[in-house]
Amino acid sequence: QVQLVESGGGLVQAGDSLRLSCAASGRTFSTYAVAWFRQAPGKERNFVAGITWNGGSTSYADSVKDRFTISRDNSKSTVYLRMNNLKPEDTAVYSCAVRGPWLGVSNIASHYNSWGQGTQVTVSS
């Protein structure tokens, strides 16, 4: 079982950048695909970005493409989400999740095995 802890959220202004981290425990982390989802108040949880177990492939929601970058360092059991040019509509709780082992990225939340507790990102205009 992989346990996840997110960090790096905060309150920023529009146009600023943040880097979120998702730290995992468990020896099998390197075999799992990882994704970031976000949920704004009163809205459903949506896929943001995902990365395969070896980092060889990434995918993004259209709303964040060209602004967000997902990466991973399996030696540190950590996945990152670099968010540039943040907009007020990016305000949400961001959670990371793992899927696997040896499965690809999915944009469907129910396909993921384990979730972190989430970190709040608030972007003011």
Foldseek 3Di string as FASTA:
>chain_A
DKAWAKDWADEEAAQAKIKMKIAIDDPCLLQWKKFKWWDDPPGDIWTAKIAGSPRPDMDGDPVQPPFWDWGDDVVRRMIMIIGGRDDQVVWTWMKMFIADRNDDDDGDPVRTDDIHPTDTHGYHD
